[in-house]
mmCIF file of all heavy atoms, coordinates in Angstrom:
data_MODEL
# 
_entry.id   MODEL 
# 
loop_
_atom_site.group_PDB 
_atom_site.id 
_atom_site.type_symbol 
_atom_site.label_atom_id 
_atom_site.label_alt_id 
_atom_site.label_comp_id 
_atom_site.label_asym_id 
_atom_site.label_entity_id 
_atom_site.label_seq_id 
_atom_site.pdbx_PDB_ins_code 
_atom_site.Cartn_x 
_atom_site.Cartn_y 
_atom_site.Cartn_z 
_atom_site.occupancy 
_atom_site.B_iso_or_equiv 
_atom_site.pdbx_formal_charge 
_atom_site.auth_seq_id 
_atom_site.auth_comp_id 
_atom_site.auth_asym_id 
_atom_site.auth_atom_id 
_atom_site.pdbx_PDB_model_num 
ATOM 1   N N   . SER A 1 1  ? 121.128 101.881 90.519  1.00 0.00 ? 1  SER A N   1 
ATOM 2   C CA  . SER A 1 1  ? 120.631 101.491 91.849  1.00 0.00 ? 1  SER A CA  1 
ATOM 3   C C   . SER A 1 1  ? 121.236 100.150 92.281  1.00 0.00 ? 1  SER A C   1 
ATOM 4   O O   . SER A 1 1  ? 121.492 99.943  93.466  1.00 0.00 ? 1  SER A O   1 
ATOM 5   C CB  . SER A 1 1  ? 119.103 101.425 91.863  1.00 0.00 ? 1  SER A CB  1 
ATOM 6   O OG  . SER A 1 1  ? 118.636 100.422 90.983  1.00 0.00 ? 1  SER A OG  1 
ATOM 7   N N   . VAL A 1 2  ? 121.488 99.261  91.345  1.00 0.00 ? 2  VAL A N   1 
ATOM 8   C CA  . VAL A 1 2  ? 122.107 97.973  91.672  1.00 0.00 ? 2  VAL A CA  1 
ATOM 9   C C   . VAL A 1 2  ? 123.570 98.199  92.047  1.00 0.00 ? 2  VAL A C   1 
ATOM 10  O O   . VAL A 1 2  ? 124.072 97.634  93.018  1.00 0.00 ? 2  VAL A O   1 
ATOM 11  C CB  . VAL A 1 2  ? 121.986 96.968  90.503  1.00 0.00 ? 2  VAL A CB  1 
ATOM 12  C CG1 . VAL A 1 2  ? 122.594 95.619  90.890  1.00 0.00 ? 2  VAL A CG1 1 
ATOM 13  C CG2 . VAL A 1 2  ? 120.528 96.792  90.097  1.00 0.00 ? 2  VAL A CG2 1 
ATOM 14  N N   . LEU A 1 3  ? 124.260 99.039  91.297  1.00 0.00 ? 3  LEU A N   1 
ATOM 15  C CA  . LEU A 1 3  ? 125.662 99.351  91.605  1.00 0.00 ? 3  LEU A CA  1 
ATOM 16  C C   . LEU A 1 3  ? 125.791 100.005 92.980  1.00 0.00 ? 3  LEU A C   1 
ATOM 17  O O   . LEU A 1 3  ? 126.762 99.753  93.691  1.00 0.00 ? 3  LEU A O   1 
ATOM 18  C CB  . LEU A 1 3  ? 126.269 100.251 90.530  1.00 0.00 ? 3  LEU A CB  1 
ATOM 19  C CG  . LEU A 1 3  ? 126.611 99.549  89.229  1.00 0.00 ? 3  LEU A CG  1 
ATOM 20  C CD1 . LEU A 1 3  ? 126.961 100.573 88.151  1.00 0.00 ? 3  LEU A CD1 1 
ATOM 21  C CD2 . LEU A 1 3  ? 127.748 98.562  89.412  1.00 0.00 ? 3  LEU A CD2 1 
ATOM 22  N N   . ALA A 1 4  ? 124.802 100.817 93.355  1.00 0.00 ? 4  ALA A N   1 
ATOM 23  C CA  . ALA A 1 4  ? 124.836 101.464 94.667  1.00 0.00 ? 4  ALA A CA  1 
ATOM 24  C C   . ALA A 1 4  ? 124.760 100.434 95.793  1.00 0.00 ? 4  ALA A C   1 
ATOM 25  O O   . ALA A 1 4  ? 125.315 100.645 96.867  1.00 0.00 ? 4  ALA A O   1 
ATOM 26  C CB  . ALA A 1 4  ? 123.691 102.464 94.789  1.00 0.00 ? 4  ALA A CB  1 
ATOM 27  N N   . ARG A 1 5  ? 124.088 99.308  95.534  1.00 0.00 ? 5  ARG A N   1 
ATOM 28  C CA  . ARG A 1 5  ? 123.971 98.235  96.537  1.00 0.00 ? 5  ARG A CA  1 
ATOM 29  C C   . ARG A 1 5  ? 125.161 97.279  96.519  1.00 0.00 ? 5  ARG A C   1 
ATOM 30  O O   . ARG A 1 5  ? 125.308 96.463  97.427  1.00 0.00 ? 5  ARG A O   1 
ATOM 31  C CB  . ARG A 1 5  ? 122.708 97.412  96.279  1.00 0.00 ? 5  ARG A CB  1 
ATOM 32  C CG  . ARG A 1 5  ? 121.418 98.162  96.428  1.00 0.00 ? 5  ARG A CG  1 
ATOM 33  C CD  . ARG A 1 5  ? 120.176 97.261  96.393  1.00 0.00 ? 5  ARG A CD  1 
ATOM 34  N NE  . ARG A 1 5  ? 120.332 95.943  95.839  1.00 0.00 ? 5  ARG A NE  1 
ATOM 35  C CZ  . ARG A 1 5  ? 119.871 95.542  94.635  1.00 0.00 ? 5  ARG A CZ  1 
ATOM 36  N NH1 . ARG A 1 5  ? 119.237 96.401  93.856  1.00 0.00 ? 5  ARG A NH1 1 
ATOM 37  N NH2 . ARG A 1 5  ? 120.036 94.296  94.236  1.00 0.00 ? 5  ARG A NH2 1 
ATOM 38  N N   . LEU A 1 6  ? 125.987 97.365  95.487  1.00 0.00 ? 6  LEU A N   1 
ATOM 39  C CA  . LEU A 1 6  ? 127.055 96.394  95.289  1.00 0.00 ? 6  LEU A CA  1 
ATOM 40  C C   . LEU A 1 6  ? 128.161 96.480  96.332  1.00 0.00 ? 6  LEU A C   1 
ATOM 41  O O   . LEU A 1 6  ? 128.646 95.468  96.813  1.00 0.00 ? 6  LEU A O   1 
ATOM 42  C CB  . LEU A 1 6  ? 127.653 96.551  93.884  1.00 0.00 ? 6  LEU A CB  1 
ATOM 43  C CG  . LEU A 1 6  ? 128.749 95.576  93.510  1.00 0.00 ? 6  LEU A CG  1 
ATOM 44  C CD1 . LEU A 1 6  ? 128.234 94.141  93.502  1.00 0.00 ? 6  LEU A CD1 1 
ATOM 45  C CD2 . LEU A 1 6  ? 129.313 95.945  92.136  1.00 0.00 ? 6  LEU A CD2 1 
ATOM 46  N N   . GLY A 1 7  ? 128.570 97.690  96.674  1.00 0.00 ? 7  GLY A N   1 
ATOM 47  C CA  . GLY A 1 7  ? 129.723 97.835  97.558  1.00 0.00 ? 7  GLY A CA  1 
ATOM 48  C C   . GLY A 1 7  ? 130.930 98.287  96.758  1.00 0.00 ? 7  GLY A C   1 
ATOM 49  O O   . GLY A 1 7  ? 130.799 98.746  95.627  1.00 0.00 ? 7  GLY A O   1 
ATOM 50  N N   . PRO A 1 8  ? 132.131 98.151  97.326  1.00 0.00 ? 8  PRO A N   1 
ATOM 51  C CA  . PRO A 1 8  ? 133.326 98.713  96.687  1.00 0.00 ? 8  PRO A CA  1 
ATOM 52  C C   . PRO A 1 8  ? 133.628 98.056  95.332  1.00 0.00 ? 8  PRO A C   1 
ATOM 53  O O   . PRO A 1 8  ? 133.723 96.828  95.232  1.00 0.00 ? 8  PRO A O   1 
ATOM 54  C CB  . PRO A 1 8  ? 134.449 98.442  97.684  1.00 0.00 ? 8  PRO A CB  1 
ATOM 55  C CG  . PRO A 1 8  ? 133.929 97.431  98.644  1.00 0.00 ? 8  PRO A CG  1 
ATOM 56  C CD  . PRO A 1 8  ? 132.440 97.474  98.583  1.00 0.00 ? 8  PRO A CD  1 
ATOM 57  N N   . HIS A 1 9  ? 133.730 98.904  94.317  1.00 0.00 ? 9  HIS A N   1 
ATOM 58  C CA  . HIS A 1 9  ? 134.010 98.432  92.968  1.00 0.00 ? 9  HIS A CA  1 
ATOM 59  C C   . HIS A 1 9  ? 134.520 99.590  92.123  1.00 0.00 ? 9  HIS A C   1 
ATOM 60  O O   . HIS A 1 9  ? 134.432 100.744 92.535  1.00 0.00 ? 9  HIS A O   1 
ATOM 61  C CB  . HIS A 1 9  ? 132.746 97.854  92.330  1.00 0.00 ? 9  HIS A CB  1 
ATOM 62  C CG  . HIS A 1 9  ? 131.694 98.890  92.089  1.00 0.00 ? 9  HIS A CG  1 
ATOM 63  N ND1 . HIS A 1 9  ? 130.809 99.291  93.066  1.00 0.00 ? 9  HIS A ND1 1 
ATOM 64  C CD2 . HIS A 1 9  ? 131.406 99.643  90.992  1.00 0.00 ? 9  HIS A CD2 1 
ATOM 65  C CE1 . HIS A 1 9  ? 130.011 100.224 92.581  1.00 0.00 ? 9  HIS A CE1 1 
ATOM 66  N NE2 . HIS A 1 9  ? 130.354 100.463 91.317  1.00 0.00 ? 9  HIS A NE2 1 
ATOM 67  N N   . GLN A 1 10 ? 135.031 99.251  90.971  1.00 0.00 ? 10 GLN A N   1 
ATOM 68  C CA  . GLN A 1 10 ? 135.382 100.236 89.951  1.00 0.00 ? 10 GLN A CA  1 
ATOM 69  C C   . GLN A 1 10 ? 134.738 99.777  88.657  1.00 0.00 ? 10 GLN A C   1 
ATOM 70  O O   . GLN A 1 10 ? 134.446 98.586  88.487  1.00 0.00 ? 10 GLN A O   1 
ATOM 71  C CB  . GLN A 1 10 ? 136.898 100.347 89.781  1.00 0.00 ? 10 GLN A CB  1 
ATOM 72  C CG  . GLN A 1 10 ? 137.617 100.867 90.997  1.00 0.00 ? 10 GLN A CG  1 
ATOM 73  C CD  . GLN A 1 10 ? 139.129 100.852 90.817  1.00 0.00 ? 10 GLN A CD  1 
ATOM 74  O OE1 . GLN A 1 10 ? 139.674 100.232 89.916  1.00 0.00 ? 10 GLN A OE1 1 
ATOM 75  N NE2 . GLN A 1 10 ? 139.814 101.551 91.696  1.00 0.00 ? 10 GLN A NE2 1 
ATOM 76  N N   . THR A 1 11 ? 134.522 100.705 87.740  1.00 0.00 ? 11 THR A N   1 
ATOM 77  C CA  . THR A 1 11 ? 133.945 100.348 86.456  1.00 0.00 ? 11 THR A CA  1 
ATOM 78  C C   . THR A 1 11 ? 134.795 100.884 85.321  1.00 0.00 ? 11 THR A C   1 
ATOM 79  O O   . THR A 1 11 ? 135.538 101.850 85.486  1.00 0.00 ? 11 THR A O   1 
ATOM 80  C CB  . THR A 1 11 ? 132.508 100.903 86.305  1.00 0.00 ? 11 THR A CB  1 
ATOM 81  O OG1 . THR A 1 11 ? 132.543 102.324 86.397  1.00 0.00 ? 11 THR A OG1 1 
ATOM 82  C CG2 . THR A 1 11 ? 131.578 100.332 87.360  1.00 0.00 ? 11 THR A CG2 1 
ATOM 83  N N   . GLY A 1 12 ? 134.683 100.251 84.207  1.00 0.00 ? 12 GLY A N   1 
ATOM 84  C CA  . GLY A 1 12 ? 135.288 100.685 82.954  1.00 0.00 ? 12 GLY A CA  1 
ATOM 85  C C   . GLY A 1 12 ? 134.284 100.376 81.868  1.00 0.00 ? 12 GLY A C   1 
ATOM 86  O O   . GLY A 1 12 ? 133.184 99.898  82.147  1.00 0.00 ? 12 GLY A O   1 
ATOM 87  N N   . LYS A 1 13 ? 134.640 100.590 80.650  1.00 0.00 ? 13 LYS A N   1 
ATOM 88  C CA  . LYS A 1 13 ? 133.717 100.362 79.546  1.00 0.00 ? 13 LYS A CA  1 
ATOM 89  C C   . LYS A 1 13 ? 133.342 98.873  79.477  1.00 0.00 ? 13 LYS A C   1 
ATOM 90  O O   . LYS A 1 13 ? 134.103 98.052  78.998  1.00 0.00 ? 13 LYS A O   1 
ATOM 91  C CB  . LYS A 1 13 ? 134.349 100.799 78.230  1.00 0.00 ? 13 LYS A CB  1 
ATOM 92  C CG  . LYS A 1 13 ? 133.397 100.757 77.073  1.00 0.00 ? 13 LYS A CG  1 
ATOM 93  C CD  . LYS A 1 13 ? 134.030 101.307 75.827  1.00 0.00 ? 13 LYS A CD  1 
ATOM 94  C CE  . LYS A 1 13 ? 133.011 101.255 74.700  1.00 0.00 ? 13 LYS A CE  1 
ATOM 95  N NZ  . LYS A 1 13 ? 133.532 101.836 73.488  1.00 0.00 ? 13 LYS A NZ  1 
ATOM 96  N N   . GLY A 1 14 ? 132.174 98.539  80.001  1.00 0.00 ? 14 GLY A N   1 
ATOM 97  C CA  . GLY A 1 14 ? 131.705 97.165  79.991  1.00 0.00 ? 14 GLY A CA  1 
ATOM 98  C C   . GLY A 1 14 ? 132.386 96.263  81.002  1.00 0.00 ? 14 GLY A C   1 
ATOM 99  O O   . GLY A 1 14 ? 132.192 95.052  80.979  1.00 0.00 ? 14 GLY A O   1 
ATOM 100 N N   . CYS A 1 15 ? 133.201 96.838  81.910  1.00 0.00 ? 15 CYS A N   1 
ATOM 101 C CA  . CYS A 1 15 ? 133.934 96.023  82.886  1.00 0.00 ? 15 CYS A CA  1 
ATOM 102 C C   . CYS A 1 15 ? 133.614 96.465  84.307  1.00 0.00 ? 15 CYS A C   1 
ATOM 103 O O   . CYS A 1 15 ? 133.518 97.658  84.595  1.00 0.00 ? 15 CYS A O   1 
ATOM 104 C CB  . CYS A 1 15 ? 135.445 96.151  82.692  1.00 0.00 ? 15 CYS A CB  1 
ATOM 105 S SG  . CYS A 1 15 ? 136.034 95.526  81.124  1.00 0.00 ? 15 CYS A SG  1 
ATOM 106 N N   . LEU A 1 16 ? 133.483 95.482  85.171  1.00 0.00 ? 16 LEU A N   1 
ATOM 107 C CA  . LEU A 1 16 ? 133.311 95.711  86.596  1.00 0.00 ? 16 LEU A CA  1 
ATOM 108 C C   . LEU A 1 16 ? 134.531 95.121  87.282  1.00 0.00 ? 16 LEU A C   1 
ATOM 109 O O   . LEU A 1 16 ? 134.873 93.957  87.049  1.00 0.00 ? 16 LEU A O   1 
ATOM 110 C CB  . LEU A 1 16 ? 132.039 95.003  87.082  1.00 0.00 ? 16 LEU A CB  1 
ATOM 111 C CG  . LEU A 1 16 ? 131.728 95.060  88.565  1.00 0.00 ? 16 LEU A CG  1 
ATOM 112 C CD1 . LEU A 1 16 ? 131.400 96.489  88.992  1.00 0.00 ? 16 LEU A CD1 1 
ATOM 113 C CD2 . LEU A 1 16 ? 130.554 94.134  88.884  1.00 0.00 ? 16 LEU A CD2 1 
ATOM 114 N N   . TYR A 1 17 ? 135.214 95.924  88.091  1.00 0.00 ? 17 TYR A N   1 
ATOM 115 C CA  . TYR A 1 17 ? 136.439 95.494  88.770  1.00 0.00 ? 17 TYR A CA  1 
ATOM 116 C C   . TYR A 1 17 ? 136.160 95.341  90.261  1.00 0.00 ? 17 TYR A C   1 
ATOM 117 O O   . TYR A 1 17 ? 135.719 96.288  90.911  1.00 0.00 ? 17 TYR A O   1 
ATOM 118 C CB  . TYR A 1 17 ? 137.547 96.540  88.578  1.00 0.00 ? 17 TYR A CB  1 
ATOM 119 C CG  . TYR A 1 17 ? 137.905 96.783  87.136  1.00 0.00 ? 17 TYR A CG  1 
ATOM 120 C CD1 . TYR A 1 17 ? 137.300 97.808  86.414  1.00 0.00 ? 17 TYR A CD1 1 
ATOM 121 C CD2 . TYR A 1 17 ? 138.845 95.989  86.497  1.00 0.00 ? 17 TYR A CD2 1 
ATOM 122 C CE1 . TYR A 1 17 ? 137.630 98.035  85.090  1.00 0.00 ? 17 TYR A CE1 1 
ATOM 123 C CE2 . TYR A 1 17 ? 139.186 96.207  85.172  1.00 0.00 ? 17 TYR A CE2 1 
ATOM 124 C CZ  . TYR A 1 17 ? 138.565 97.238  84.478  1.00 0.00 ? 17 TYR A CZ  1 
ATOM 125 O OH  . TYR A 1 17 ? 138.894 97.455  83.158  1.00 0.00 ? 17 TYR A OH  1 
ATOM 126 N N   . LEU A 1 18 ? 136.442 94.146  90.784  1.00 0.00 ? 18 LEU A N   1 
ATOM 127 C CA  . LEU A 1 18 ? 136.250 93.870  92.200  1.00 0.00 ? 18 LEU A CA  1 
ATOM 128 C C   . LEU A 1 18 ? 137.571 93.415  92.799  1.00 0.00 ? 18 LEU A C   1 
ATOM 129 O O   . LEU A 1 18 ? 138.267 92.583  92.215  1.00 0.00 ? 18 LEU A O   1 
ATOM 130 C CB  . LEU A 1 18 ? 135.216 92.756  92.399  1.00 0.00 ? 18 LEU A CB  1 
ATOM 131 C CG  . LEU A 1 18 ? 133.846 92.946  91.758  1.00 0.00 ? 18 LEU A CG  1 
ATOM 132 C CD1 . LEU A 1 18 ? 132.980 91.720  92.003  1.00 0.00 ? 18 LEU A CD1 1 
ATOM 133 C CD2 . LEU A 1 18 ? 133.173 94.200  92.292  1.00 0.00 ? 18 LEU A CD2 1 
ATOM 134 N N   . LYS A 1 19 ? 137.888 93.931  93.983  1.00 0.00 ? 19 LYS A N   1 
ATOM 135 C CA  . LYS A 1 19 ? 139.100 93.480  94.678  1.00 0.00 ? 19 LYS A CA  1 
ATOM 136 C C   . LYS A 1 19 ? 138.891 92.084  95.259  1.00 0.00 ? 19 LYS A C   1 
ATOM 137 O O   . LYS A 1 19 ? 139.697 91.195  95.063  1.00 0.00 ? 19 LYS A O   1 
ATOM 138 C CB  . LYS A 1 19 ? 139.473 94.446  95.808  1.00 0.00 ? 19 LYS A CB  1 
ATOM 139 C CG  . LYS A 1 19 ? 140.107 95.720  95.336  1.00 0.00 ? 19 LYS A CG  1 
ATOM 140 C CD  . LYS A 1 19 ? 141.576 95.501  95.108  1.00 0.00 ? 19 LYS A CD  1 
ATOM 141 C CE  . LYS A 1 19 ? 142.236 96.861  94.880  1.00 0.00 ? 19 LYS A CE  1 
ATOM 142 N NZ  . LYS A 1 19 ? 143.594 96.714  94.425  1.00 0.00 ? 19 LYS A NZ  1 
ATOM 143 N N   . HIS A 1 20 ? 137.799 91.935  96.024  1.00 0.00 ? 20 HIS A N   1 
ATOM 144 C CA  . HIS A 1 20 ? 137.521 90.662  96.681  1.00 0.00 ? 20 HIS A CA  1 
ATOM 145 C C   . HIS A 1 20 ? 136.024 90.387  96.645  1.00 0.00 ? 20 HIS A C   1 
ATOM 146 O O   . HIS A 1 20 ? 135.223 91.287  96.909  1.00 0.00 ? 20 HIS A O   1 
ATOM 147 C CB  . HIS A 1 20 ? 138.008 90.670  98.133  1.00 0.00 ? 20 HIS A CB  1 
ATOM 148 C CG  . HIS A 1 20 ? 139.461 90.954  98.262  1.00 0.00 ? 20 HIS A CG  1 
ATOM 149 N ND1 . HIS A 1 20 ? 140.435 90.077  97.852  1.00 0.00 ? 20 HIS A ND1 1 
ATOM 150 C CD2 . HIS A 1 20 ? 140.106 92.037  98.742  1.00 0.00 ? 20 HIS A CD2 1 
ATOM 151 C CE1 . HIS A 1 20 ? 141.618 90.607  98.071  1.00 0.00 ? 20 HIS A CE1 1 
ATOM 152 N NE2 . HIS A 1 20 ? 141.453 91.801  98.611  1.00 0.00 ? 20 HIS A NE2 1 
ATOM 153 N N   . LEU A 1 21 ? 135.656 89.180  96.386  1.00 0.00 ? 21 LEU A N   1 
ATOM 154 C CA  . LEU A 1 21 ? 134.251 88.804  96.276  1.00 0.00 ? 21 LEU A CA  1 
ATOM 155 C C   . LEU A 1 21 ? 133.497 89.011  97.588  1.00 0.00 ? 21 LEU A C   1 
ATOM 156 O O   . LEU A 1 21 ? 132.332 89.395  97.581  1.00 0.00 ? 21 LEU A O   1 
ATOM 157 C CB  . LEU A 1 21 ? 134.165 87.341  95.831  1.00 0.00 ? 21 LEU A CB  1 
ATOM 158 C CG  . LEU A 1 21 ? 132.943 86.911  95.053  1.00 0.00 ? 21 LEU A CG  1 
ATOM 159 C CD1 . LEU A 1 21 ? 132.649 87.825  93.883  1.00 0.00 ? 21 LEU A CD1 1 
ATOM 160 C CD2 . LEU A 1 21 ? 133.093 85.481  94.598  1.00 0.00 ? 21 LEU A CD2 1 
ATOM 161 N N   . ASP A 1 22 ? 134.159 88.792  98.722  1.00 0.00 ? 22 ASP A N   1 
ATOM 162 C CA  . ASP A 1 22 ? 133.487 88.957  100.006 1.00 0.00 ? 22 ASP A CA  1 
ATOM 163 C C   . ASP A 1 22 ? 133.206 90.410  100.364 1.00 0.00 ? 22 ASP A C   1 
ATOM 164 O O   . ASP A 1 22 ? 132.450 90.674  101.300 1.00 0.00 ? 22 ASP A O   1 
ATOM 165 C CB  . ASP A 1 22 ? 134.297 88.306  101.132 1.00 0.00 ? 22 ASP A CB  1 
ATOM 166 C CG  . ASP A 1 22 ? 134.214 86.794  101.112 1.00 0.00 ? 22 ASP A CG  1 
ATOM 167 O OD1 . ASP A 1 22 ? 133.237 86.252  100.546 1.00 0.00 ? 22 ASP A OD1 1 
ATOM 168 O OD2 . ASP A 1 22 ? 135.115 86.141  101.663 1.00 0.00 ? 22 ASP A OD2 1 
ATOM 169 N N   . ASP A 1 23 ? 133.794 91.350  99.644  1.00 0.00 ? 23 ASP A N   1 
ATOM 170 C CA  . ASP A 1 23 ? 133.597 92.774  99.928  1.00 0.00 ? 23 ASP A CA  1 
ATOM 171 C C   . ASP A 1 23 ? 132.331 93.333  99.295  1.00 0.00 ? 23 ASP A C   1 
ATOM 172 O O   . ASP A 1 23 ? 131.960 94.473  99.578  1.00 0.00 ? 23 ASP A O   1 
ATOM 173 C CB  . ASP A 1 23 ? 134.789 93.595  99.437  1.00 0.00 ? 23 ASP A CB  1 
ATOM 174 C CG  . ASP A 1 23 ? 136.070 93.282  100.195 1.00 0.00 ? 23 ASP A CG  1 
ATOM 175 O OD1 . ASP A 1 23 ? 135.990 92.670  101.279 1.00 0.00 ? 23 ASP A OD1 1 
ATOM 176 O OD2 . ASP A 1 23 ? 137.145 93.657  99.694  1.00 0.00 ? 23 ASP A OD2 1 
ATOM 177 N N   . VAL A 1 24 ? 131.687 92.567  98.429  1.00 0.00 ? 24 VAL A N   1 
ATOM 178 C CA  . VAL A 1 24 ? 130.533 93.096  97.695  1.00 0.00 ? 24 VAL A CA  1 
ATOM 179 C C   . VAL A 1 24 ? 129.271 92.306  98.031  1.00 0.00 ? 24 VAL A C   1 
ATOM 180 O O   . VAL A 1 24 ? 129.341 91.163  98.491  1.00 0.00 ? 24 VAL A O   1 
ATOM 181 C CB  . VAL A 1 24 ? 130.762 93.078  96.163  1.00 0.00 ? 24 VAL A CB  1 
ATOM 182 C CG1 . VAL A 1 24 ? 131.943 93.965  95.793  1.00 0.00 ? 24 VAL A CG1 1 
ATOM 183 C CG2 . VAL A 1 24 ? 130.949 91.676  95.629  1.00 0.00 ? 24 VAL A CG2 1 
ATOM 184 N N   . GLY A 1 25 ? 128.141 92.938  97.759  1.00 0.00 ? 25 GLY A N   1 
ATOM 185 C CA  . GLY A 1 25 ? 126.854 92.285  97.962  1.00 0.00 ? 25 GLY A CA  1 
ATOM 186 C C   . GLY A 1 25 ? 126.594 91.269  96.861  1.00 0.00 ? 25 GLY A C   1 
ATOM 187 O O   . GLY A 1 25 ? 126.506 91.630  95.690  1.00 0.00 ? 25 GLY A O   1 
ATOM 188 N N   . HIS A 1 26 ? 126.483 90.007  97.242  1.00 0.00 ? 26 HIS A N   1 
ATOM 189 C CA  . HIS A 1 26 ? 126.311 88.948  96.246  1.00 0.00 ? 26 HIS A CA  1 
ATOM 190 C C   . HIS A 1 26 ? 124.979 89.050  95.520  1.00 0.00 ? 26 HIS A C   1 
ATOM 191 O O   . HIS A 1 26 ? 124.902 88.716  94.331  1.00 0.00 ? 26 HIS A O   1 
ATOM 192 C CB  . HIS A 1 26 ? 126.486 87.581  96.893  1.00 0.00 ? 26 HIS A CB  1 
ATOM 193 C CG  . HIS A 1 26 ? 127.915 87.317  97.266  1.00 0.00 ? 26 HIS A CG  1 
ATOM 194 N ND1 . HIS A 1 26 ? 128.405 86.059  97.424  1.00 0.00 ? 26 HIS A ND1 1 
ATOM 195 C CD2 . HIS A 1 26 ? 128.965 88.148  97.492  1.00 0.00 ? 26 HIS A CD2 1 
ATOM 196 C CE1 . HIS A 1 26 ? 129.695 86.118  97.735  1.00 0.00 ? 26 HIS A CE1 1 
ATOM 197 N NE2 . HIS A 1 26 ? 130.042 87.388  97.802  1.00 0.00 ? 26 HIS A NE2 1 
ATOM 198 N N   . ASP A 1 27 ? 123.926 89.499  96.202  1.00 0.00 ? 27 ASP A N   1 
ATOM 199 C CA  . ASP A 1 27 ? 122.630 89.654  95.528  1.00 0.00 ? 27 ASP A CA  1 
ATOM 200 C C   . ASP A 1 27 ? 122.731 90.700  94.417  1.00 0.00 ? 27 ASP A C   1 
ATOM 201 O O   . ASP A 1 27 ? 122.215 90.495  93.317  1.00 0.00 ? 27 ASP A O   1 
ATOM 202 C CB  . ASP A 1 27 ? 121.529 90.040  96.518  1.00 0.00 ? 27 ASP A CB  1 
ATOM 203 C CG  . ASP A 1 27 ? 121.142 88.893  97.443  1.00 0.00 ? 27 ASP A CG  1 
ATOM 204 O OD1 . ASP A 1 27 ? 121.470 87.727  97.122  1.00 0.00 ? 27 ASP A OD1 1 
ATOM 205 O OD2 . ASP A 1 27 ? 120.526 89.171  98.491  1.00 0.00 ? 27 ASP A OD2 1 
ATOM 206 N N   . ALA A 1 28 ? 123.393 91.815  94.698  1.00 0.00 ? 28 ALA A N   1 
ATOM 207 C CA  . ALA A 1 28 ? 123.555 92.858  93.689  1.00 0.00 ? 28 ALA A CA  1 
ATOM 208 C C   . ALA A 1 28 ? 124.431 92.358  92.539  1.00 0.00 ? 28 ALA A C   1 
ATOM 209 O O   . ALA A 1 28 ? 124.131 92.615  91.365  1.00 0.00 ? 28 ALA A O   1 
ATOM 210 C CB  . ALA A 1 28 ? 124.158 94.123  94.310  1.00 0.00 ? 28 ALA A CB  1 
ATOM 211 N N   . LEU A 1 29 ? 125.498 91.641  92.847  1.00 0.00 ? 29 LEU A N   1 
ATOM 212 C CA  . LEU A 1 29 ? 126.369 91.102  91.806  1.00 0.00 ? 29 LEU A CA  1 
ATOM 213 C C   . LEU A 1 29 ? 125.607 90.118  90.923  1.00 0.00 ? 29 LEU A C   1 
ATOM 214 O O   . LEU A 1 29 ? 125.686 90.178  89.691  1.00 0.00 ? 29 LEU A O   1 
ATOM 215 C CB  . LEU A 1 29 ? 127.597 90.430  92.421  1.00 0.00 ? 29 LEU A CB  1 
ATOM 216 C CG  . LEU A 1 29 ? 128.592 89.817  91.432  1.00 0.00 ? 29 LEU A CG  1 
ATOM 217 C CD1 . LEU A 1 29 ? 129.123 90.862  90.460  1.00 0.00 ? 29 LEU A CD1 1 
ATOM 218 C CD2 . LEU A 1 29 ? 129.737 89.160  92.203  1.00 0.00 ? 29 LEU A CD2 1 
ATOM 219 N N   . ARG A 1 30 ? 124.853 89.233  91.531  1.00 0.00 ? 30 ARG A N   1 
ATOM 220 C CA  . ARG A 1 30 ? 124.047 88.268  90.761  1.00 0.00 ? 30 ARG A CA  1 
ATOM 221 C C   . ARG A 1 30 ? 123.064 88.989  89.853  1.00 0.00 ? 30 ARG A C   1 
ATOM 222 O O   . ARG A 1 30 ? 122.868 88.600  88.703  1.00 0.00 ? 30 ARG A O   1 
ATOM 223 C CB  . ARG A 1 30 ? 123.289 87.327  91.697  1.00 0.00 ? 30 ARG A CB  1 
ATOM 224 C CG  . ARG A 1 30 ? 124.167 86.380  92.483  1.00 0.00 ? 30 ARG A CG  1 
ATOM 225 C CD  . ARG A 1 30 ? 123.336 85.522  93.438  1.00 0.00 ? 30 ARG A CD  1 
ATOM 226 N NE  . ARG A 1 30 ? 122.573 84.556  92.683  1.00 0.00 ? 30 ARG A NE  1 
ATOM 227 C CZ  . ARG A 1 30 ? 123.052 83.379  92.297  1.00 0.00 ? 30 ARG A CZ  1 
ATOM 228 N NH1 . ARG A 1 30 ? 124.277 83.029  92.605  1.00 0.00 ? 30 ARG A NH1 1 
ATOM 229 N NH2 . ARG A 1 30 ? 122.303 82.558  91.601  1.00 0.00 ? 30 ARG A NH2 1 
ATOM 230 N N   . GLU A 1 31 ? 122.455 90.055  90.373  1.00 0.00 ? 31 GLU A N   1 
ATOM 231 C CA  . GLU A 1 31 ? 121.491 90.815  89.580  1.00 0.00 ? 31 GLU A CA  1 
ATOM 232 C C   . GLU A 1 31 ? 122.169 91.480  88.382  1.00 0.00 ? 31 GLU A C   1 
ATOM 233 O O   . GLU A 1 31 ? 121.631 91.463  87.266  1.00 0.00 ? 31 GLU A O   1 
ATOM 234 C CB  . GLU A 1 31 ? 120.796 91.862  90.451  1.00 0.00 ? 31 GLU A CB  1 
ATOM 235 C CG  . GLU A 1 31 ? 119.695 92.603  89.724  1.00 0.00 ? 31 GLU A CG  1 
ATOM 236 C CD  . GLU A 1 31 ? 118.915 93.551  90.615  1.00 0.00 ? 31 GLU A CD  1 
ATOM 237 O OE1 . GLU A 1 31 ? 118.982 93.435  91.856  1.00 0.00 ? 31 GLU A OE1 1 
ATOM 238 O OE2 . GLU A 1 31 ? 118.221 94.422  90.049  1.00 0.00 ? 31 GLU A OE2 1 
ATOM 239 N N   . LEU A 1 32 ? 123.348 92.053  88.585  1.00 0.00 ? 32 LEU A N   1 
ATOM 240 C CA  . LEU A 1 32 ? 124.068 92.675  87.473  1.00 0.00 ? 32 LEU A CA  1 
ATOM 241 C C   . LEU A 1 32 ? 124.411 91.653  86.384  1.00 0.00 ? 32 LEU A C   1 
ATOM 242 O O   . LEU A 1 32 ? 124.235 91.922  85.187  1.00 0.00 ? 32 LEU A O   1 
ATOM 243 C CB  . LEU A 1 32 ? 125.351 93.341  87.962  1.00 0.00 ? 32 LEU A CB  1 
ATOM 244 C CG  . LEU A 1 32 ? 125.195 94.648  88.708  1.00 0.00 ? 32 LEU A CG  1 
ATOM 245 C CD1 . LEU A 1 32 ? 126.514 95.041  89.361  1.00 0.00 ? 32 LEU A CD1 1 
ATOM 246 C CD2 . LEU A 1 32 ? 124.711 95.743  87.758  1.00 0.00 ? 32 LEU A CD2 1 
# 
């Protein structure tokens, strides 16, 4: 549910990949 609020991202084993910080929800990122 937190990832759904995050915005554009990719995941890998234990890794979260973001293109740009402004493209994602900072509250969701902080929570993760």
